[in-house]
N, C-alpha and C. Protein backbone atom coordinates (compact mmCIF):
# COMPACT_ATOMS: atom_id res chain seq x y z
N MET A 1 36.58 -40.71 43.98
CA MET A 1 35.75 -39.54 43.83
C MET A 1 35.40 -38.97 45.18
N ALA A 2 34.97 -39.83 46.10
CA ALA A 2 34.60 -39.37 47.44
C ALA A 2 35.82 -38.83 48.17
N ASP A 3 36.99 -39.45 47.91
CA ASP A 3 38.21 -38.96 48.56
C ASP A 3 38.57 -37.56 48.09
N SER A 4 38.38 -37.28 46.79
CA SER A 4 38.72 -35.95 46.27
C SER A 4 37.78 -34.89 46.82
N ILE A 5 36.52 -35.25 47.05
CA ILE A 5 35.59 -34.29 47.64
C ILE A 5 35.97 -33.99 49.07
N LEU A 6 36.38 -35.03 49.80
CA LEU A 6 36.81 -34.82 51.19
C LEU A 6 38.07 -33.97 51.26
N ILE A 7 38.98 -34.20 50.33
CA ILE A 7 40.22 -33.40 50.30
C ILE A 7 39.89 -31.94 49.99
N LEU A 8 38.96 -31.70 49.04
CA LEU A 8 38.55 -30.33 48.73
C LEU A 8 37.87 -29.68 49.93
N ALA A 9 37.05 -30.44 50.64
CA ALA A 9 36.36 -29.90 51.81
C ALA A 9 37.36 -29.54 52.90
N GLN A 10 38.38 -30.38 53.09
CA GLN A 10 39.38 -30.09 54.10
C GLN A 10 40.23 -28.89 53.69
N ALA A 11 40.54 -28.79 52.41
CA ALA A 11 41.34 -27.67 51.94
C ALA A 11 40.57 -26.37 52.04
N ALA A 12 39.26 -26.44 51.90
CA ALA A 12 38.44 -25.24 51.98
C ALA A 12 38.14 -24.83 53.41
N GLY A 13 38.59 -25.63 54.37
CA GLY A 13 38.39 -25.25 55.76
C GLY A 13 37.42 -26.14 56.49
N GLY A 14 37.36 -27.38 56.12
CA GLY A 14 36.49 -28.31 56.83
C GLY A 14 35.10 -28.36 56.23
N PRO A 15 34.15 -28.92 56.98
CA PRO A 15 32.79 -29.07 56.47
C PRO A 15 32.12 -27.73 56.17
N GLY A 16 32.45 -26.70 56.93
CA GLY A 16 31.87 -25.38 56.67
C GLY A 16 32.33 -24.81 55.34
N GLY A 17 33.57 -25.13 54.94
CA GLY A 17 34.10 -24.67 53.66
C GLY A 17 33.36 -25.28 52.49
N MET A 18 32.96 -26.55 52.64
CA MET A 18 32.20 -27.21 51.58
C MET A 18 30.83 -26.55 51.43
N MET A 19 30.25 -26.15 52.53
CA MET A 19 28.96 -25.47 52.47
C MET A 19 29.10 -24.11 51.78
N ASN A 20 30.23 -23.46 51.97
CA ASN A 20 30.47 -22.18 51.30
C ASN A 20 30.52 -22.36 49.79
N ILE A 21 31.17 -23.44 49.35
CA ILE A 21 31.26 -23.71 47.92
C ILE A 21 29.87 -23.98 47.35
N VAL A 22 29.08 -24.78 48.05
CA VAL A 22 27.72 -25.08 47.61
C VAL A 22 26.88 -23.81 47.58
N PHE A 23 27.05 -22.95 48.57
CA PHE A 23 26.31 -21.69 48.63
C PHE A 23 26.66 -20.79 47.44
N ILE A 24 27.93 -20.71 47.11
CA ILE A 24 28.36 -19.86 45.99
C ILE A 24 27.82 -20.40 44.67
N ILE A 25 27.85 -21.72 44.49
CA ILE A 25 27.32 -22.32 43.26
C ILE A 25 25.82 -22.07 43.18
N GLY A 26 25.12 -22.21 44.29
CA GLY A 26 23.68 -21.93 44.32
C GLY A 26 23.39 -20.48 44.00
N LEU A 27 24.21 -19.57 44.51
CA LEU A 27 24.03 -18.15 44.25
C LEU A 27 24.19 -17.84 42.76
N PHE A 28 25.19 -18.44 42.13
CA PHE A 28 25.37 -18.24 40.69
C PHE A 28 24.20 -18.80 39.89
N ALA A 29 23.65 -19.95 40.32
CA ALA A 29 22.51 -20.53 39.63
C ALA A 29 21.29 -19.60 39.72
N ILE A 30 21.06 -19.05 40.90
CA ILE A 30 19.93 -18.13 41.09
C ILE A 30 20.11 -16.88 40.23
N MET A 31 21.31 -16.32 40.21
CA MET A 31 21.59 -15.13 39.42
C MET A 31 21.34 -15.41 37.93
N TYR A 32 21.71 -16.61 37.49
CA TYR A 32 21.51 -16.95 36.08
C TYR A 32 20.03 -16.96 35.73
N PHE A 33 19.21 -17.64 36.55
CA PHE A 33 17.80 -17.77 36.22
C PHE A 33 17.00 -16.51 36.49
N VAL A 34 17.47 -15.63 37.35
CA VAL A 34 16.73 -14.42 37.66
C VAL A 34 17.13 -13.24 36.78
N MET A 35 18.41 -13.15 36.43
CA MET A 35 18.87 -11.97 35.70
C MET A 35 19.33 -12.26 34.28
N ILE A 36 20.21 -13.21 34.10
CA ILE A 36 20.86 -13.40 32.81
C ILE A 36 19.92 -14.03 31.78
N ARG A 37 19.23 -15.09 32.15
CA ARG A 37 18.36 -15.78 31.20
C ARG A 37 17.22 -14.92 30.68
N PRO A 38 16.49 -14.19 31.53
CA PRO A 38 15.44 -13.32 30.99
C PRO A 38 15.98 -12.23 30.06
N GLN A 39 17.16 -11.71 30.38
CA GLN A 39 17.76 -10.69 29.53
C GLN A 39 18.12 -11.26 28.17
N GLN A 40 18.61 -12.49 28.13
CA GLN A 40 18.93 -13.13 26.86
C GLN A 40 17.68 -13.37 26.03
N LYS A 41 16.58 -13.77 26.69
CA LYS A 41 15.32 -13.97 25.96
C LYS A 41 14.82 -12.66 25.37
N GLN A 42 14.91 -11.58 26.14
CA GLN A 42 14.46 -10.27 25.67
C GLN A 42 15.31 -9.81 24.49
N LEU A 43 16.61 -10.03 24.56
CA LEU A 43 17.50 -9.65 23.46
C LEU A 43 17.18 -10.44 22.20
N LYS A 44 16.91 -11.73 22.34
CA LYS A 44 16.58 -12.56 21.19
C LYS A 44 15.26 -12.09 20.55
N LYS A 45 14.29 -11.75 21.38
CA LYS A 45 13.00 -11.26 20.87
C LYS A 45 13.17 -9.94 20.11
N HIS A 46 14.04 -9.04 20.63
CA HIS A 46 14.29 -7.76 19.96
C HIS A 46 15.00 -7.98 18.63
N GLN A 47 15.95 -8.92 18.58
CA GLN A 47 16.65 -9.21 17.33
C GLN A 47 15.70 -9.78 16.28
N GLU A 48 14.73 -10.60 16.71
CA GLU A 48 13.73 -11.12 15.78
C GLU A 48 12.85 -10.00 15.24
N LEU A 49 12.50 -9.05 16.11
CA LEU A 49 11.71 -7.89 15.68
C LEU A 49 12.46 -7.09 14.64
N ILE A 50 13.73 -6.82 14.90
CA ILE A 50 14.55 -6.01 13.98
C ILE A 50 14.68 -6.70 12.62
N SER A 51 14.85 -8.01 12.63
CA SER A 51 15.02 -8.71 11.36
C SER A 51 13.71 -8.82 10.59
N SER A 52 12.57 -8.66 11.26
CA SER A 52 11.29 -8.80 10.57
C SER A 52 10.69 -7.46 10.14
N LEU A 53 11.41 -6.35 10.31
CA LEU A 53 10.88 -5.04 9.91
C LEU A 53 10.75 -4.97 8.39
N LYS A 54 9.62 -4.39 7.94
CA LYS A 54 9.41 -4.24 6.50
C LYS A 54 8.68 -2.93 6.23
N LYS A 55 8.69 -2.54 4.98
CA LYS A 55 8.06 -1.29 4.58
C LYS A 55 6.56 -1.33 4.91
N GLY A 56 6.07 -0.23 5.49
CA GLY A 56 4.66 -0.12 5.83
C GLY A 56 4.36 -0.41 7.28
N ASP A 57 5.29 -1.02 8.02
CA ASP A 57 5.07 -1.29 9.44
C ASP A 57 5.06 0.02 10.22
N GLU A 58 4.19 0.11 11.20
CA GLU A 58 4.15 1.27 12.08
C GLU A 58 4.89 0.89 13.36
N VAL A 59 5.93 1.65 13.68
CA VAL A 59 6.79 1.31 14.81
C VAL A 59 6.96 2.49 15.75
N VAL A 60 7.46 2.21 16.93
CA VAL A 60 7.81 3.24 17.90
C VAL A 60 9.29 3.04 18.25
N THR A 61 10.02 4.15 18.34
CA THR A 61 11.43 4.09 18.66
C THR A 61 11.63 4.18 20.18
N GLN A 62 12.85 3.94 20.62
CA GLN A 62 13.15 4.04 22.05
C GLN A 62 12.99 5.47 22.54
N GLY A 63 13.09 6.44 21.66
CA GLY A 63 12.90 7.84 22.03
C GLY A 63 11.45 8.26 22.05
N GLY A 64 10.55 7.36 21.62
CA GLY A 64 9.13 7.66 21.66
C GLY A 64 8.55 8.17 20.35
N LEU A 65 9.35 8.21 19.29
CA LEU A 65 8.83 8.63 17.99
C LEU A 65 8.02 7.51 17.36
N ILE A 66 6.89 7.87 16.78
CA ILE A 66 6.03 6.90 16.13
C ILE A 66 6.02 7.22 14.64
N GLY A 67 6.24 6.22 13.81
CA GLY A 67 6.26 6.45 12.38
C GLY A 67 6.04 5.19 11.58
N ARG A 68 5.83 5.39 10.30
CA ARG A 68 5.62 4.27 9.38
C ARG A 68 6.92 4.09 8.58
N ILE A 69 7.36 2.85 8.46
CA ILE A 69 8.61 2.56 7.75
C ILE A 69 8.42 2.78 6.26
N GLN A 70 9.32 3.60 5.68
CA GLN A 70 9.29 3.87 4.25
C GLN A 70 10.40 3.12 3.50
N ASN A 71 11.51 2.86 4.20
CA ASN A 71 12.65 2.21 3.56
C ASN A 71 13.42 1.44 4.63
N VAL A 72 13.88 0.24 4.29
CA VAL A 72 14.67 -0.57 5.21
C VAL A 72 16.02 -0.84 4.58
N LEU A 73 17.08 -0.42 5.26
CA LEU A 73 18.44 -0.70 4.82
C LEU A 73 19.07 -1.70 5.77
N GLU A 74 20.37 -1.94 5.59
CA GLU A 74 21.06 -2.93 6.41
C GLU A 74 21.07 -2.54 7.89
N ARG A 75 21.42 -1.28 8.20
CA ARG A 75 21.55 -0.86 9.60
C ARG A 75 20.54 0.20 10.02
N GLU A 76 19.78 0.73 9.07
CA GLU A 76 18.86 1.81 9.43
C GLU A 76 17.55 1.69 8.68
N VAL A 77 16.55 2.41 9.20
CA VAL A 77 15.25 2.47 8.54
C VAL A 77 14.87 3.94 8.40
N THR A 78 14.06 4.22 7.39
CA THR A 78 13.53 5.57 7.20
C THR A 78 12.08 5.56 7.64
N LEU A 79 11.77 6.45 8.58
CA LEU A 79 10.41 6.55 9.11
C LEU A 79 9.75 7.82 8.63
N GLU A 80 8.48 7.71 8.28
CA GLU A 80 7.69 8.90 7.97
C GLU A 80 6.89 9.20 9.23
N VAL A 81 7.26 10.30 9.91
CA VAL A 81 6.63 10.65 11.18
C VAL A 81 5.46 11.62 10.99
N ALA A 82 5.44 12.31 9.88
CA ALA A 82 4.33 13.20 9.52
C ALA A 82 4.28 13.21 7.99
N SER A 83 3.25 13.77 7.45
CA SER A 83 3.11 13.79 6.00
C SER A 83 4.29 14.53 5.38
N GLY A 84 5.12 13.80 4.66
CA GLY A 84 6.28 14.40 3.99
C GLY A 84 7.50 14.56 4.88
N THR A 85 7.43 14.22 6.14
CA THR A 85 8.57 14.34 7.06
C THR A 85 9.14 12.96 7.32
N ARG A 86 10.36 12.75 6.84
CA ARG A 86 11.01 11.46 6.99
C ARG A 86 12.29 11.62 7.78
N ILE A 87 12.54 10.65 8.65
CA ILE A 87 13.78 10.64 9.43
C ILE A 87 14.43 9.26 9.31
N ARG A 88 15.74 9.25 9.44
CA ARG A 88 16.48 7.99 9.43
C ARG A 88 16.85 7.65 10.87
N VAL A 89 16.61 6.42 11.26
CA VAL A 89 17.00 5.95 12.59
C VAL A 89 17.67 4.59 12.45
N LEU A 90 18.49 4.26 13.42
CA LEU A 90 19.11 2.94 13.42
C LEU A 90 18.06 1.88 13.73
N LYS A 91 18.22 0.72 13.12
CA LYS A 91 17.27 -0.37 13.38
C LYS A 91 17.24 -0.73 14.86
N THR A 92 18.38 -0.65 15.52
CA THR A 92 18.45 -1.05 16.93
C THR A 92 17.68 -0.10 17.84
N SER A 93 17.34 1.10 17.35
CA SER A 93 16.58 2.04 18.18
C SER A 93 15.08 1.83 18.08
N VAL A 94 14.64 0.89 17.22
CA VAL A 94 13.22 0.57 17.14
C VAL A 94 12.87 -0.29 18.34
N ALA A 95 11.93 0.19 19.16
CA ALA A 95 11.56 -0.52 20.39
C ALA A 95 10.50 -1.58 20.14
N GLY A 96 9.62 -1.34 19.17
CA GLY A 96 8.58 -2.33 18.90
C GLY A 96 7.59 -1.81 17.88
N ARG A 97 6.64 -2.66 17.57
CA ARG A 97 5.56 -2.27 16.66
C ARG A 97 4.57 -1.43 17.44
N TYR A 98 3.96 -0.48 16.73
CA TYR A 98 2.99 0.41 17.38
C TYR A 98 1.59 -0.08 17.05
N ALA A 99 0.84 -0.38 18.08
CA ALA A 99 -0.52 -0.90 17.89
C ALA A 99 -1.48 0.22 17.57
N GLY A 100 -1.11 1.44 17.87
CA GLY A 100 -1.97 2.58 17.58
C GLY A 100 -3.12 2.68 18.56
N ASP A 101 -4.11 3.40 18.17
CA ASP A 101 -5.28 3.59 19.01
C ASP A 101 -6.37 2.59 18.66
N ALA A 102 -6.00 1.49 18.02
CA ALA A 102 -6.99 0.50 17.63
C ALA A 102 -7.70 -0.08 18.84
N ALA A 103 -6.95 -0.31 19.91
CA ALA A 103 -7.57 -0.86 21.12
C ALA A 103 -8.47 0.18 21.79
N ALA A 104 -8.05 1.44 21.76
CA ALA A 104 -8.84 2.49 22.40
C ALA A 104 -10.05 2.87 21.56
N ALA A 105 -9.94 2.74 20.23
CA ALA A 105 -11.02 3.14 19.35
C ALA A 105 -12.09 2.06 19.20
N ALA A 106 -11.78 0.86 19.66
CA ALA A 106 -12.76 -0.23 19.55
C ALA A 106 -13.98 0.09 20.40
N PRO A 107 -15.15 -0.14 19.85
CA PRO A 107 -16.36 0.17 20.62
C PRO A 107 -16.47 -0.74 21.84
N LYS A 108 -16.87 -0.14 22.93
CA LYS A 108 -17.04 -0.91 24.15
C LYS A 108 -18.43 -1.53 24.16
N VAL A 109 -18.47 -2.78 24.52
CA VAL A 109 -19.75 -3.47 24.60
C VAL A 109 -20.17 -3.47 26.05
N GLU A 110 -21.32 -2.87 26.30
CA GLU A 110 -21.82 -2.82 27.66
C GLU A 110 -23.02 -3.74 27.78
N ASP A 111 -23.06 -4.42 28.87
CA ASP A 111 -24.20 -5.28 29.12
C ASP A 111 -25.36 -4.41 29.59
N LYS A 112 -26.45 -4.52 28.87
CA LYS A 112 -27.63 -3.77 29.26
C LYS A 112 -28.59 -4.73 29.96
N LYS A 113 -28.95 -4.35 31.13
CA LYS A 113 -29.89 -5.18 31.89
C LYS A 113 -31.31 -4.76 31.54
N GLU A 114 -32.14 -5.75 31.38
CA GLU A 114 -33.52 -5.45 31.09
C GLU A 114 -34.22 -4.98 32.36
N GLU A 115 -34.92 -3.90 32.23
CA GLU A 115 -35.66 -3.40 33.37
C GLU A 115 -37.08 -3.92 33.30
N LYS A 116 -37.58 -4.37 34.44
CA LYS A 116 -38.94 -4.91 34.48
C LYS A 116 -39.87 -3.98 35.16
């Protein structure tokens, strides 16, 4: 085993060539953990969202349209964006669930200091 590593190092141009191989392997490892793995996690999360869509959910599309799901088919959903206005969009264009103004409409609790 050690002999084969030495032969590879000599074929690659001596000890500096072995360092180049280690550097390239390290570079690929960094690229995997910084770029590829997070993208795969995001894709898996989006696929779970798409598979869990059901009638009545309020969603936002990648184009910024907000609507309530009226019908779910295999590849598309029907959104009601206004009273009586329905549009069909592909499931893959749904960016996420819409939380609405629930967070903004929640009453703010302010600490009142007692004045003496």
